[in-house]
């Protein structure tokens, strides 16, 4: 992963993990050990799903830039659908508190999305390639008259 992508991932994952730690502490205070475990699993699922999505999105942007917007929209829809499926699968579990799991999953996901939006707004992304022909006139490609 290039250093710029790693920095972006760091700027997104750290706030999400911090919110996850808060969710774990609150869940532990409210629902005990099973609540803390549920919040941990919810935060972990959100970070893994959203992190994999970010890696896929970054690779798509580099290799197929014309598909970037469509891929981003499809990716977010797929991630949210998978998270709804995870909540539905674990709603009756006795391994951990399912409410703490669901709340931590939603809060971590929303934090990830907000941190990702902030990271991209703060990024210095060039809209033109500065290395392209400096000051040269483009060649005519149309028919000669």
C-alpha atoms as a PDB file:
ATOM      1  CA  UNK A   1       0.000   0.000   0.000  1.00  0.00           C
ATOM      2  CA  UNK A   2       1.509   3.377  -0.988  1.00  0.00           C
ATOM      3  CA  UNK A   3       2.308   5.769   1.857  1.00  0.00           C
ATOM      4  CA  UNK A   4      -0.491   8.178   0.917  1.00  0.00           C
ATOM      5  CA  UNK A   5      -3.043   5.373   1.134  1.00  0.00           C
ATOM      6  CA  UNK A   6      -1.602   4.232   4.454  1.00  0.00           C
ATOM      7  CA  UNK A   7      -1.857   7.778   5.836  1.00  0.00           C
ATOM      8  CA  UNK A   8      -5.458   7.999   4.689  1.00  0.00           C
ATOM      9  CA  UNK A   9      -6.252   4.656   6.290  1.00  0.00           C
ATOM     10  CA  UNK A  10      -4.604   5.795   9.520  1.00  0.00           C
ATOM     11  CA  UNK A  11      -6.588   9.061   9.578  1.00  0.00           C
ATOM     12  CA  UNK A  12      -9.784   7.030   9.225  1.00  0.00           C
ATOM     13  CA  UNK A  13      -9.102   3.971  11.377  1.00  0.00           C
ATOM     14  CA  UNK A  14      -7.772   5.794  14.456  1.00  0.00           C
ATOM     15  CA  UNK A  15     -10.958   7.829  15.154  1.00  0.00           C
ATOM     16  CA  UNK A  16     -13.054   4.733  14.486  1.00  0.00           C
ATOM     17  CA  UNK A  17     -11.000   2.681  16.933  1.00  0.00           C
ATOM     18  CA  UNK A  18     -11.232   5.479  19.521  1.00  0.00           C
ATOM     19  CA  UNK A  19     -15.018   5.536  19.222  1.00  0.00           C
ATOM     20  CA  UNK A  20     -14.944   1.739  19.466  1.00  0.00           C
ATOM     21  CA  UNK A  21     -13.025   1.923  22.741  1.00  0.00           C
ATOM     22  CA  UNK A  22     -15.628   4.351  24.094  1.00  0.00           C
ATOM     23  CA  UNK A  23     -18.421   2.025  22.934  1.00  0.00           C
ATOM     24  CA  UNK A  24     -16.701  -0.914  24.652  1.00  0.00           C
ATOM     25  CA  UNK A  25     -16.374   1.047  27.917  1.00  0.00           C
ATOM     26  CA  UNK A  26     -20.012   2.190  27.838  1.00  0.00           C
ATOM     27  CA  UNK A  27     -21.229  -1.301  26.957  1.00  0.00           C
ATOM     28  CA  UNK A  28     -19.144  -2.799  29.757  1.00  0.00           C
ATOM     29  CA  UNK A  29     -20.673  -0.344  32.229  1.00  0.00           C
ATOM     30  CA  UNK A  30     -24.230  -0.950  31.022  1.00  0.00           C
ATOM     31  CA  UNK A  31     -24.254  -4.639  30.053  1.00  0.00           C
ATOM     32  CA  UNK A  32     -21.144  -6.109  31.676  1.00  0.00           C
ATOM     33  CA  UNK A  33     -18.616  -8.392  30.039  1.00  0.00           C
ATOM     34  CA  UNK A  34     -20.969  -9.634  27.326  1.00  0.00           C
ATOM     35  CA  UNK A  35     -21.759  -6.044  26.421  1.00  0.00           C
ATOM     36  CA  UNK A  36     -18.069  -5.203  26.127  1.00  0.00           C
ATOM     37  CA  UNK A  37     -17.484  -8.277  23.967  1.00  0.00           C
ATOM     38  CA  UNK A  38     -20.441  -7.356  21.750  1.00  0.00           C
ATOM     39  CA  UNK A  39     -19.161  -3.809  21.307  1.00  0.00           C
ATOM     40  CA  UNK A  40     -15.671  -5.114  20.531  1.00  0.00           C
ATOM     41  CA  UNK A  41     -16.988  -7.499  17.875  1.00  0.00           C
ATOM     42  CA  UNK A  42     -19.201  -4.773  16.372  1.00  0.00           C
ATOM     43  CA  UNK A  43     -16.306  -2.332  16.174  1.00  0.00           C
ATOM     44  CA  UNK A  44     -14.011  -4.993  14.726  1.00  0.00           C
ATOM     45  CA  UNK A  45     -16.555  -5.965  12.039  1.00  0.00           C
ATOM     46  CA  UNK A  46     -17.034  -2.320  11.058  1.00  0.00           C
ATOM     47  CA  UNK A  47     -13.293  -1.629  10.821  1.00  0.00           C
ATOM     48  CA  UNK A  48     -12.607  -4.798   8.817  1.00  0.00           C
ATOM     49  CA  UNK A  49     -15.499  -4.294   6.368  1.00  0.00           C
ATOM     50  CA  UNK A  50     -14.889  -0.606   5.858  1.00  0.00           C
ATOM     51  CA  UNK A  51     -11.107  -1.089   5.659  1.00  0.00           C
ATOM     52  CA  UNK A  52     -11.428  -3.739   2.969  1.00  0.00           C
ATOM     53  CA  UNK A  53     -13.825  -1.467   1.125  1.00  0.00           C
ATOM     54  CA  UNK A  54     -11.331   1.398   1.273  1.00  0.00           C
ATOM     55  CA  UNK A  55      -8.562  -0.796  -0.135  1.00  0.00           C
ATOM     56  CA  UNK A  56     -10.835  -1.945  -2.980  1.00  0.00           C
ATOM     57  CA  UNK A  57     -11.892   1.638  -3.663  1.00  0.00           C
ATOM     58  CA  UNK A  58      -8.292   2.912  -3.725  1.00  0.00           C
ATOM     59  CA  UNK A  59      -7.247   0.178  -6.154  1.00  0.00           C
ATOM     60  CA  UNK A  60     -10.244   0.902  -8.363  1.00  0.00           C
ATOM     61  CA  UNK A  61      -9.389   4.607  -8.400  1.00  0.00           C
ATOM     62  CA  UNK A  62      -5.861   3.849  -9.571  1.00  0.00           C
ATOM     63  CA  UNK A  63      -6.636   1.199 -12.174  1.00  0.00           C
ATOM     64  CA  UNK A  64     -10.116   2.165 -13.415  1.00  0.00           C
ATOM     65  CA  UNK A  65     -10.704   5.845 -12.574  1.00  0.00           C
ATOM     66  CA  UNK A  66     -13.771   6.065 -14.801  1.00  0.00           C
ATOM     67  CA  UNK A  67     -15.532   3.500 -12.553  1.00  0.00           C
ATOM     68  CA  UNK A  68     -14.589   5.191  -9.277  1.00  0.00           C
ATOM     69  CA  UNK A  69     -17.889   6.913  -8.466  1.00  0.00           C
ATOM     70  CA  UNK A  70     -20.061   3.964  -9.433  1.00  0.00           C
ATOM     71  CA  UNK A  71     -17.791   1.586  -7.539  1.00  0.00           C
ATOM     72  CA  UNK A  72     -17.918   3.776  -4.442  1.00  0.00           C
ATOM     73  CA  UNK A  73     -21.703   3.867  -4.423  1.00  0.00           C
ATOM     74  CA  UNK A  74     -21.981   0.134  -5.020  1.00  0.00           C
ATOM     75  CA  UNK A  75     -19.375  -0.578  -2.360  1.00  0.00           C
ATOM     76  CA  UNK A  76     -21.165   1.452   0.324  1.00  0.00           C
ATOM     77  CA  UNK A  77     -24.471  -0.193  -0.507  1.00  0.00           C
ATOM     78  CA  UNK A  78     -22.860  -3.643  -0.291  1.00  0.00           C
ATOM     79  CA  UNK A  79     -21.127  -2.813   3.002  1.00  0.00           C
ATOM     80  CA  UNK A  80     -24.320  -1.562   4.599  1.00  0.00           C
ATOM     81  CA  UNK A  81     -26.205  -4.618   3.375  1.00  0.00           C
ATOM     82  CA  UNK A  82     -23.543  -6.927   4.824  1.00  0.00           C
ATOM     83  CA  UNK A  83     -23.727  -5.119   8.146  1.00  0.00           C
ATOM     84  CA  UNK A  84     -27.509  -5.498   8.256  1.00  0.00           C
ATOM     85  CA  UNK A  85     -27.017  -9.213   7.551  1.00  0.00           C
ATOM     86  CA  UNK A  86     -24.489  -9.456  10.412  1.00  0.00           C
ATOM     87  CA  UNK A  87     -26.904  -7.779  12.818  1.00  0.00           C
ATOM     88  CA  UNK A  88     -29.703 -10.124  11.716  1.00  0.00           C
ATOM     89  CA  UNK A  89     -27.473 -13.215  12.068  1.00  0.00           C
ATOM     90  CA  UNK A  90     -26.348 -12.329  15.583  1.00  0.00           C
ATOM     91  CA  UNK A  91     -29.590 -10.891  16.975  1.00  0.00           C
ATOM     92  CA  UNK A  92     -30.304 -14.009  19.076  1.00  0.00           C
ATOM     93  CA  UNK A  93     -26.748 -14.923  20.069  1.00  0.00           C
ATOM     94  CA  UNK A  94     -25.820 -15.728  23.642  1.00  0.00           C
ATOM     95  CA  UNK A  95     -22.085 -15.283  23.040  1.00  0.00           C
ATOM     96  CA  UNK A  96     -22.313 -11.502  23.507  1.00  0.00           C
ATOM     97  CA  UNK A  97     -24.901  -8.773  23.965  1.00  0.00           C
ATOM     98  CA  UNK A  98     -26.542  -8.269  20.538  1.00  0.00           C
ATOM     99  CA  UNK A  99     -27.726  -4.727  21.326  1.00  0.00           C
ATOM    100  CA  UNK A 100     -24.217  -3.609  22.238  1.00  0.00           C
ATOM    101  CA  UNK A 101     -22.965  -5.318  19.069  1.00  0.00           C
ATOM    102  CA  UNK A 102     -25.492  -3.542  16.848  1.00  0.00           C
ATOM    103  CA  UNK A 103     -25.022  -0.123  18.430  1.00  0.00           C
ATOM    104  CA  UNK A 104     -21.210  -0.344  18.276  1.00  0.00           C
ATOM    105  CA  UNK A 105     -21.406  -1.524  14.658  1.00  0.00           C
ATOM    106  CA  UNK A 106     -23.586   1.412  13.619  1.00  0.00           C
ATOM    107  CA  UNK A 107     -21.590   3.996  15.588  1.00  0.00           C
ATOM    108  CA  UNK A 108     -18.252   2.699  14.278  1.00  0.00           C
ATOM    109  CA  UNK A 109     -19.570   2.672  10.704  1.00  0.00           C
ATOM    110  CA  UNK A 110     -20.859   6.233  10.946  1.00  0.00           C
ATOM    111  CA  UNK A 111     -17.568   7.338  12.487  1.00  0.00           C
ATOM    112  CA  UNK A 112     -15.647   5.645   9.662  1.00  0.00           C
ATOM    113  CA  UNK A 113     -17.744   7.397   7.013  1.00  0.00           C
ATOM    114  CA  UNK A 114     -17.365  10.801   8.698  1.00  0.00           C
ATOM    115  CA  UNK A 115     -13.601  10.330   9.161  1.00  0.00           C
ATOM    116  CA  UNK A 116     -13.241   9.207   5.546  1.00  0.00           C
ATOM    117  CA  UNK A 117     -15.121  12.250   4.291  1.00  0.00           C
ATOM    118  CA  UNK A 118     -12.950  14.515   6.444  1.00  0.00           C
ATOM    119  CA  UNK A 119      -9.728  12.822   5.317  1.00  0.00           C
ATOM    120  CA  UNK A 120     -10.609  13.266   1.657  1.00  0.00           C
ATOM    121  CA  UNK A 121     -11.656  16.896   2.162  1.00  0.00           C
ATOM    122  CA  UNK A 122      -8.315  17.633   3.839  1.00  0.00           C
ATOM    123  CA  UNK A 123      -6.250  15.682   1.290  1.00  0.00           C
ATOM    124  CA  UNK A 124      -4.287  17.608  -1.276  1.00  0.00           C
ATOM    125  CA  UNK A 125      -5.499  15.738  -4.347  1.00  0.00           C
ATOM    126  CA  UNK A 126      -4.487  17.218  -7.681  1.00  0.00           C
ATOM    127  CA  UNK A 127      -7.169  17.532 -10.324  1.00  0.00           C
ATOM    128  CA  UNK A 128      -4.669  17.753 -13.167  1.00  0.00           C
ATOM    129  CA  UNK A 129      -1.407  15.962 -13.758  1.00  0.00           C
ATOM    130  CA  UNK A 130       1.394  18.513 -13.243  1.00  0.00           C
ATOM    131  CA  UNK A 131       3.871  16.350 -15.166  1.00  0.00           C
ATOM    132  CA  UNK A 132       1.882  16.415 -18.371  1.00  0.00           C
ATOM    133  CA  UNK A 133       3.160  18.516 -21.274  1.00  0.00           C
ATOM    134  CA  UNK A 134       3.788  21.880 -19.677  1.00  0.00           C
ATOM    135  CA  UNK A 135       2.520  24.691 -21.839  1.00  0.00           C
ATOM    136  CA  UNK A 136       2.507  22.636 -25.018  1.00  0.00           C
ATOM    137  CA  UNK A 137      -0.477  22.957 -27.267  1.00  0.00           C
ATOM    138  CA  UNK A 138      -2.462  19.763 -27.703  1.00  0.00           C
ATOM    139  CA  UNK A 139      -2.118  18.015 -30.993  1.00  0.00           C
ATOM    140  CA  UNK A 140      -5.048  18.255 -33.360  1.00  0.00           C
ATOM    141  CA  UNK A 141      -6.731  14.914 -33.673  1.00  0.00           C
ATOM    142  CA  UNK A 142      -9.676  15.870 -35.861  1.00  0.00           C
ATOM    143  CA  UNK A 143      -9.880  15.883 -39.633  1.00  0.00           C
ATOM    144  CA  UNK A 144      -7.585  18.264 -41.501  1.00  0.00           C
ATOM    145  CA  UNK A 145      -9.357  20.947 -43.461  1.00  0.00           C
END
